[in-house]
Amino acid sequence: MYITPRPSVTDDPLYAVRLGVTGMLAYAAIPLINPALPPIIAALPVGLIAAQRKAFNPGKAIAGPIVMILLVYIMTWFVETLRPMPLVYVGAMWLTYFAGFRMILQSGAQAGMLIIIVAVLMSVMGMHGTATVETMRDGFVQASLVGLVLGPIVYALFPARTTEQHVDDPAPTDGNVTLGAAIRATVLMALTFWLYAVMEPSDMMMAVIAAMVLVFPTRNAVFYEAHQRVLATFYGSAVGLTILWLFTFSSHLPILLGLIFLGGLWLGHLMLHGKHPSMVYQYALSVALALIAGALSTQDPGYATFTRIVLTLSGAGAAALLVAGLDALTGWRRPTPQESTT
């Protein structure tokens, strides 16, 4: 799957500042909206905005949130219609996962990831009941609207230096992508039941990170991405707990927003200059914001952090091992010429 490259200081020297401000404003929206699931409002807009590179792309900034809103409404209707028929419901969700994975493997594009993210979250929430899935739907809509509003604002305040817009360059996967997608859909179906059994609804934005390791076509890439998700969880938990600890000395919203800005600024700096891939630090900011929002609403921060780390480790690790084993057993993917000569 196509991975967004590291942001460039030459093209976008204010990237870290923009990331910190985005995290701060996303969290500032929570008291105004008073959502049922604050972690979604805190984390999702950052992911939508931070994924942009180079100059502001209005098409992506508008299309991303709108597509997300449409998908959650479609999936909510889908879940509520099929939930009374359990076998049909499970089969339909498997087909949805399969379609998303096949889109990713066949084209390399990231659009299939949106389908999978929404499908996982809404299908798991659907098992909890109609009210829960509608709460998740409303949270996604609110967060998408926040991202839609914040994107133009933060780019107007802190524009990129270059006027060139980034163009994605996805590459398709060679081999039997139908079999590869079927393997991943089956593993994700098992992971869905596991998430339903062990995760609270407010933690789902964190848990779905474990599912994202499955979108990659090679065993090495799957293990590598699982490692990156674990690193992101540790980094984000460290930042979130540090902010929560400092917040206890002066429990006022402006102080908290300032600390979130500094945490986002540091992680944004690491996205530009850090030793790990930039996406580690981007995921880490989403982890930190989700942790802070959850801890200050209904959760105990220490327990929430421990739970997220353990579940991300176990979920990402088990999924990666199973997919890698099935890929090796079936040999569905044709190696590239570079891989064949090594």
Protein backbone atom coordinates (compact mmCIF):
# COMPACT_ATOMS: atom_id res chain seq x y z
CA MET A 1 0.00 0.00 0.00
CA TYR A 2 1.13 3.55 -0.70
CA ILE A 3 2.68 5.24 2.34
CA THR A 4 2.68 9.03 2.60
CA PRO A 5 6.31 10.24 2.58
CA ARG A 6 8.01 12.24 5.32
CA PRO A 7 7.18 15.97 5.23
CA SER A 8 10.01 18.19 4.00
CA VAL A 9 11.43 21.16 5.91
CA THR A 10 12.27 22.79 2.58
CA ASP A 11 8.69 22.53 1.30
CA ASP A 12 6.86 23.01 4.60
CA PRO A 13 8.99 24.51 7.42
CA LEU A 14 5.89 25.23 9.55
CA TYR A 15 4.60 21.66 9.44
CA ALA A 16 5.34 20.95 13.13
CA VAL A 17 3.68 24.20 14.24
CA ARG A 18 0.62 23.40 12.15
CA LEU A 19 0.42 19.90 13.63
CA GLY A 20 0.58 21.24 17.18
CA VAL A 21 -2.10 23.85 16.48
CA THR A 22 -4.30 21.23 14.81
CA GLY A 23 -4.13 18.98 17.87
CA MET A 24 -4.83 21.93 20.17
CA LEU A 25 -7.84 23.17 18.17
CA ALA A 26 -9.24 19.66 17.74
CA TYR A 27 -9.21 19.18 21.50
CA ALA A 28 -10.63 22.69 22.03
CA ALA A 29 -13.66 21.63 20.00
CA ILE A 30 -14.60 18.97 22.58
CA PRO A 31 -16.05 21.38 25.22
CA LEU A 32 -17.97 23.18 22.47
CA ILE A 33 -19.47 20.03 20.94
CA ASN A 34 -19.79 17.96 24.13
CA PRO A 35 -19.63 14.65 22.22
CA ALA A 36 -20.46 11.21 23.58
CA LEU A 37 -17.05 9.88 22.43
CA PRO A 38 -14.44 12.64 22.94
CA PRO A 39 -11.43 10.56 21.73
CA ILE A 40 -12.81 10.53 18.18
CA ILE A 41 -13.15 14.33 18.08
CA ALA A 42 -9.61 14.71 19.41
CA ALA A 43 -7.86 12.19 17.17
CA LEU A 44 -9.63 11.98 13.80
CA PRO A 45 -9.17 15.59 12.58
CA VAL A 46 -5.44 15.33 13.26
CA GLY A 47 -5.21 12.23 11.08
CA LEU A 48 -7.13 13.88 8.25
CA ILE A 49 -5.06 17.08 8.27
CA ALA A 50 -1.62 15.70 9.15
CA ALA A 51 -1.68 13.34 6.16
CA GLN A 52 -1.35 16.28 3.74
CA ARG A 53 2.06 17.09 2.31
CA LYS A 54 3.43 20.20 0.57
CA ALA A 55 0.84 22.86 -0.34
CA PHE A 56 -2.74 22.77 0.89
CA ASN A 57 -4.90 20.54 -1.30
CA PRO A 58 -8.55 21.71 -1.05
CA GLY A 59 -9.77 18.62 -2.87
CA LYS A 60 -8.28 16.23 -0.30
CA ALA A 61 -9.22 18.49 2.62
CA ILE A 62 -12.86 18.53 1.55
CA ALA A 63 -13.17 15.05 0.02
CA GLY A 64 -11.68 13.19 3.01
CA PRO A 65 -14.22 14.36 5.64
CA ILE A 66 -17.16 14.16 3.22
CA VAL A 67 -16.29 10.60 2.15
CA MET A 68 -15.91 9.65 5.82
CA ILE A 69 -19.37 11.05 6.63
CA LEU A 70 -20.98 9.24 3.70
CA LEU A 71 -19.29 5.97 4.63
CA VAL A 72 -20.41 6.05 8.27
CA TYR A 73 -24.02 6.72 7.28
CA ILE A 74 -23.95 3.91 4.73
CA MET A 75 -22.34 1.50 7.21
CA THR A 76 -24.79 2.48 9.96
CA TRP A 77 -27.73 1.65 7.69
CA PHE A 78 -25.96 -1.52 6.63
CA VAL A 79 -25.34 -2.65 10.21
CA GLU A 80 -28.81 -1.79 11.50
CA THR A 81 -30.47 -3.57 8.57
CA LEU A 82 -28.45 -6.80 8.79
CA ARG A 83 -27.82 -7.06 12.53
CA PRO A 84 -31.07 -9.02 13.20
CA MET A 85 -29.71 -11.74 10.85
CA PRO A 86 -26.37 -12.74 12.48
CA LEU A 87 -25.06 -15.07 9.76
CA VAL A 88 -25.95 -12.64 6.99
CA TYR A 89 -24.41 -9.83 9.04
CA VAL A 90 -21.10 -11.65 9.49
CA GLY A 91 -20.98 -12.64 5.83
CA ALA A 92 -21.73 -9.12 4.65
CA MET A 93 -19.02 -7.66 6.88
CA TRP A 94 -16.50 -10.19 5.53
CA LEU A 95 -17.40 -9.12 1.98
CA THR A 96 -16.96 -5.46 2.95
CA TYR A 97 -13.51 -6.17 4.41
CA PHE A 98 -12.64 -8.20 1.31
CA ALA A 99 -13.66 -5.36 -1.03
CA GLY A 100 -11.55 -2.85 0.92
CA PHE A 101 -8.46 -5.07 1.01
CA ARG A 102 -8.79 -5.99 -2.66
CA MET A 103 -8.98 -2.31 -3.58
CA ILE A 104 -5.78 -1.66 -1.64
CA LEU A 105 -3.85 -4.64 -3.03
CA GLN A 106 -5.04 -4.14 -6.60
CA SER A 107 -4.32 -0.40 -6.85
CA GLY A 108 -2.09 0.45 -3.89
CA ALA A 109 -4.35 3.42 -3.16
CA GLN A 110 -5.32 4.43 0.37
CA ALA A 111 -9.06 4.80 -0.33
CA GLY A 112 -9.67 1.19 0.67
CA MET A 113 -8.27 1.94 4.12
CA LEU A 114 -11.15 4.34 4.83
CA ILE A 115 -13.61 1.57 3.97
CA ILE A 116 -11.86 -0.86 6.30
CA ILE A 117 -11.54 1.60 9.19
CA VAL A 118 -15.22 2.55 9.07
CA ALA A 119 -16.34 -1.04 8.52
CA VAL A 120 -14.36 -2.34 11.52
CA LEU A 121 -15.55 0.36 13.87
CA MET A 122 -19.18 0.29 12.83
CA SER A 123 -19.42 -3.51 12.70
CA VAL A 124 -17.96 -3.91 16.20
CA MET A 125 -20.19 -1.15 17.54
CA GLY A 126 -23.15 -2.76 15.82
CA MET A 127 -22.67 -5.86 17.96
CA HIS A 128 -23.22 -3.66 21.03
CA GLY A 129 -26.61 -2.49 19.75
CA THR A 130 -28.30 0.15 17.62
CA ALA A 131 -27.79 3.00 20.09
CA THR A 132 -24.04 2.35 20.26
CA VAL A 133 -23.55 2.27 16.50
CA GLU A 134 -25.51 5.52 16.14
CA THR A 135 -23.35 7.11 18.82
CA MET A 136 -20.25 6.07 16.88
CA ARG A 137 -21.80 7.43 13.68
CA ASP A 138 -22.50 10.80 15.28
CA GLY A 139 -18.97 10.92 16.68
CA PHE A 140 -17.47 10.29 13.25
CA VAL A 141 -19.67 12.95 11.66
CA GLN A 142 -18.76 15.51 14.32
CA ALA A 143 -15.04 14.72 14.03
CA SER A 144 -15.14 14.88 10.22
CA LEU A 145 -16.84 18.27 10.34
CA VAL A 146 -14.20 19.51 12.79
CA GLY A 147 -11.50 18.33 10.38
CA LEU A 148 -13.32 19.99 7.46
CA VAL A 149 -13.34 23.33 9.31
CA LEU A 150 -9.84 23.14 10.79
CA GLY A 151 -7.98 22.18 7.59
CA PRO A 152 -8.31 25.51 5.75
CA ILE A 153 -7.80 27.46 8.99
CA VAL A 154 -4.48 25.91 10.00
CA TYR A 155 -3.12 26.07 6.45
CA ALA A 156 -4.15 29.74 6.18
CA LEU A 157 -2.38 30.51 9.46
CA PHE A 158 0.70 28.37 8.74
CA PRO A 159 0.97 27.85 4.97
CA ALA A 160 3.53 25.64 3.27
CA ARG A 161 6.43 27.37 1.56
CA THR A 162 5.95 25.50 -1.71
CA THR A 163 2.96 26.02 -4.00
CA GLU A 164 3.29 22.50 -5.40
CA GLN A 165 0.66 20.00 -4.30
CA HIS A 166 1.71 16.49 -3.36
CA VAL A 167 0.63 13.75 -5.78
CA ASP A 168 0.26 10.19 -4.50
CA ASP A 169 2.08 7.49 -6.44
CA PRO A 170 0.49 4.14 -5.46
CA ALA A 171 1.71 0.87 -6.97
CA PRO A 172 -0.40 -2.28 -7.42
CA THR A 173 0.60 -5.61 -5.90
CA ASP A 174 1.56 -8.43 -8.26
CA GLY A 175 -0.02 -11.81 -7.70
CA ASN A 176 -3.39 -13.28 -6.78
CA VAL A 177 -4.77 -10.21 -4.99
CA THR A 178 -8.15 -11.92 -4.59
CA LEU A 179 -6.57 -14.61 -2.39
CA GLY A 180 -4.50 -12.02 -0.53
CA ALA A 181 -7.61 -9.95 0.18
CA ALA A 182 -9.53 -13.06 1.30
CA ILE A 183 -6.77 -13.94 3.80
CA ARG A 184 -6.78 -10.44 5.26
CA ALA A 185 -10.58 -10.24 5.41
CA THR A 186 -10.73 -13.54 7.29
CA VAL A 187 -8.07 -12.50 9.82
CA LEU A 188 -9.75 -9.13 10.29
CA MET A 189 -13.08 -10.88 10.87
CA ALA A 190 -11.50 -12.85 13.71
CA LEU A 191 -9.92 -9.65 15.04
CA THR A 192 -13.33 -7.96 14.94
CA PHE A 193 -14.80 -10.54 17.32
CA TRP A 194 -11.77 -10.15 19.59
CA LEU A 195 -12.20 -6.36 19.66
CA TYR A 196 -15.87 -6.77 20.50
CA ALA A 197 -15.00 -9.09 23.38
CA VAL A 198 -12.28 -7.01 25.03
CA MET A 199 -12.54 -3.35 24.02
CA GLU A 200 -14.73 -0.57 25.37
CA PRO A 201 -16.46 1.57 22.72
CA SER A 202 -14.45 4.63 23.77
CA ASP A 203 -11.20 2.76 23.05
CA MET A 204 -12.08 1.67 19.54
CA MET A 205 -10.13 4.42 17.77
CA MET A 206 -7.01 3.03 19.40
CA ALA A 207 -7.82 -0.62 18.82
CA VAL A 208 -8.38 -0.21 15.08
CA ILE A 209 -4.69 0.77 14.71
CA ALA A 210 -3.91 -2.91 15.18
CA ALA A 211 -6.07 -3.80 12.19
CA MET A 212 -4.18 -1.49 9.85
CA VAL A 213 -1.11 -3.73 9.73
CA LEU A 214 -3.10 -6.10 7.55
CA VAL A 215 -3.27 -3.78 4.53
CA PHE A 216 0.35 -4.40 3.55
CA PRO A 217 1.14 -7.06 0.93
CA THR A 218 4.40 -8.65 2.17
CA ARG A 219 5.29 -10.49 5.37
CA ASN A 220 8.18 -8.12 6.05
CA ALA A 221 5.94 -5.10 5.53
CA VAL A 222 3.25 -6.53 7.85
CA PHE A 223 5.76 -7.14 10.66
CA TYR A 224 7.42 -3.78 10.04
CA GLU A 225 4.10 -1.93 10.27
CA ALA A 226 3.10 -3.86 13.38
CA HIS A 227 6.36 -2.69 14.95
CA GLN A 228 5.59 0.91 13.92
CA ARG A 229 2.12 0.76 15.52
CA VAL A 230 3.61 -0.51 18.75
CA LEU A 231 6.22 2.27 18.74
CA ALA A 232 3.50 4.83 18.05
CA THR A 233 1.47 3.52 20.99
CA PHE A 234 4.44 3.85 23.35
CA TYR A 235 5.37 7.33 22.10
CA GLY A 236 1.78 8.54 22.22
CA SER A 237 1.16 7.07 25.66
CA ALA A 238 4.32 8.72 27.00
CA VAL A 239 3.30 12.10 25.58
CA GLY A 240 -0.29 11.75 26.79
CA LEU A 241 0.66 10.70 30.32
CA THR A 242 3.23 13.51 30.57
CA ILE A 243 0.61 16.08 29.56
CA LEU A 244 -1.91 14.65 32.02
CA TRP A 245 0.68 14.72 34.81
CA LEU A 246 1.63 18.34 34.12
CA PHE A 247 -2.04 19.25 33.89
CA THR A 248 -2.56 18.18 37.52
CA PHE A 249 -0.43 21.14 38.66
CA SER A 250 -2.82 23.65 37.05
CA SER A 251 -6.12 22.17 35.93
CA HIS A 252 -7.31 24.83 33.52
CA LEU A 253 -8.31 24.37 29.88
CA PRO A 254 -5.85 26.96 28.46
CA ILE A 255 -3.00 25.14 30.22
CA LEU A 256 -4.12 21.81 28.78
CA LEU A 257 -4.41 23.28 25.28
CA GLY A 258 -0.92 24.75 25.59
CA LEU A 259 0.50 21.39 26.66
CA ILE A 260 -1.24 19.65 23.76
CA PHE A 261 0.26 22.21 21.38
CA LEU A 262 3.75 21.55 22.76
CA GLY A 263 3.27 17.79 22.52
CA GLY A 264 2.07 18.11 18.92
CA LEU A 265 4.94 20.48 18.12
CA TRP A 266 7.49 17.97 19.43
CA LEU A 267 5.96 15.06 17.54
CA GLY A 268 5.73 17.22 14.42
CA HIS A 269 9.43 18.03 14.76
CA LEU A 270 10.13 14.30 14.99
CA MET A 271 8.05 13.75 11.86
CA LEU A 272 10.49 16.05 10.07
CA HIS A 273 13.72 14.90 11.70
CA GLY A 274 13.09 11.75 13.80
CA LYS A 275 14.93 8.46 13.34
CA HIS A 276 11.70 6.49 12.85
CA PRO A 277 9.34 6.83 9.86
CA SER A 278 7.21 9.95 10.08
CA MET A 279 3.96 7.99 10.39
CA VAL A 280 5.10 6.65 13.78
CA TYR A 281 4.96 10.15 15.22
CA GLN A 282 1.73 11.03 13.41
CA TYR A 283 0.03 7.95 14.86
CA ALA A 284 1.56 8.80 18.24
CA LEU A 285 -0.17 12.18 18.30
CA SER A 286 -3.53 10.52 17.61
CA VAL A 287 -2.79 8.05 20.43
CA ALA A 288 -1.89 10.87 22.83
CA LEU A 289 -4.99 12.91 22.01
CA ALA A 290 -7.30 9.89 22.31
CA LEU A 291 -5.71 9.00 25.64
CA ILE A 292 -6.03 12.54 27.01
CA ALA A 293 -9.64 12.90 25.86
CA GLY A 294 -10.59 9.53 27.31
CA ALA A 295 -8.74 10.02 30.58
CA LEU A 296 -10.36 13.38 31.24
CA SER A 297 -13.86 12.09 30.50
CA THR A 298 -14.51 8.67 31.99
CA GLN A 299 -11.28 6.67 32.14
CA ASP A 300 -8.41 6.22 34.53
CA PRO A 301 -5.31 7.33 32.54
CA GLY A 302 -2.93 4.71 33.91
CA TYR A 303 -5.33 1.84 33.31
CA ALA A 304 -6.32 3.19 29.88
CA THR A 305 -2.67 3.46 28.83
CA PHE A 306 -1.81 -0.04 30.02
CA THR A 307 -4.90 -1.48 28.32
CA ARG A 308 -4.17 0.23 25.02
CA ILE A 309 -0.54 -0.87 24.96
CA VAL A 310 -1.36 -4.50 25.81
CA LEU A 311 -4.25 -4.72 23.35
CA THR A 312 -2.33 -3.00 20.56
CA LEU A 313 0.65 -5.30 21.11
CA SER A 314 -1.44 -8.45 21.25
CA GLY A 315 -3.83 -7.48 18.46
CA ALA A 316 -1.21 -6.21 16.02
CA GLY A 317 1.16 -9.06 16.82
CA ALA A 318 -1.36 -11.85 16.48
CA ALA A 319 -2.84 -10.43 13.28
CA ALA A 320 0.61 -9.93 11.74
CA LEU A 321 1.70 -13.48 12.60
CA LEU A 322 -1.45 -15.05 11.23
CA VAL A 323 -1.41 -13.07 7.97
CA ALA A 324 2.31 -13.73 7.46
CA GLY A 325 1.79 -17.46 8.01
CA LEU A 326 -1.13 -17.68 5.60
CA ASP A 327 0.72 -15.61 2.99
CA ALA A 328 3.69 -17.97 3.21
CA LEU A 329 1.44 -21.02 3.04
CA THR A 330 -0.48 -19.85 -0.04
CA GLY A 331 2.33 -17.97 -1.82
CA TRP A 332 -0.24 -15.73 -3.50
CA ARG A 333 2.11 -12.80 -4.10
CA ARG A 334 4.65 -12.68 -6.94
CA PRO A 335 7.94 -11.12 -5.80
CA THR A 336 9.23 -8.04 -7.59
CA PRO A 337 12.43 -8.33 -9.73
CA GLN A 338 14.39 -6.61 -6.96
CA GLU A 339 13.16 -9.14 -4.39
CA SER A 340 13.89 -12.05 -6.74
CA THR A 341 17.55 -11.05 -7.08
CA THR A 342 18.14 -10.66 -3.34
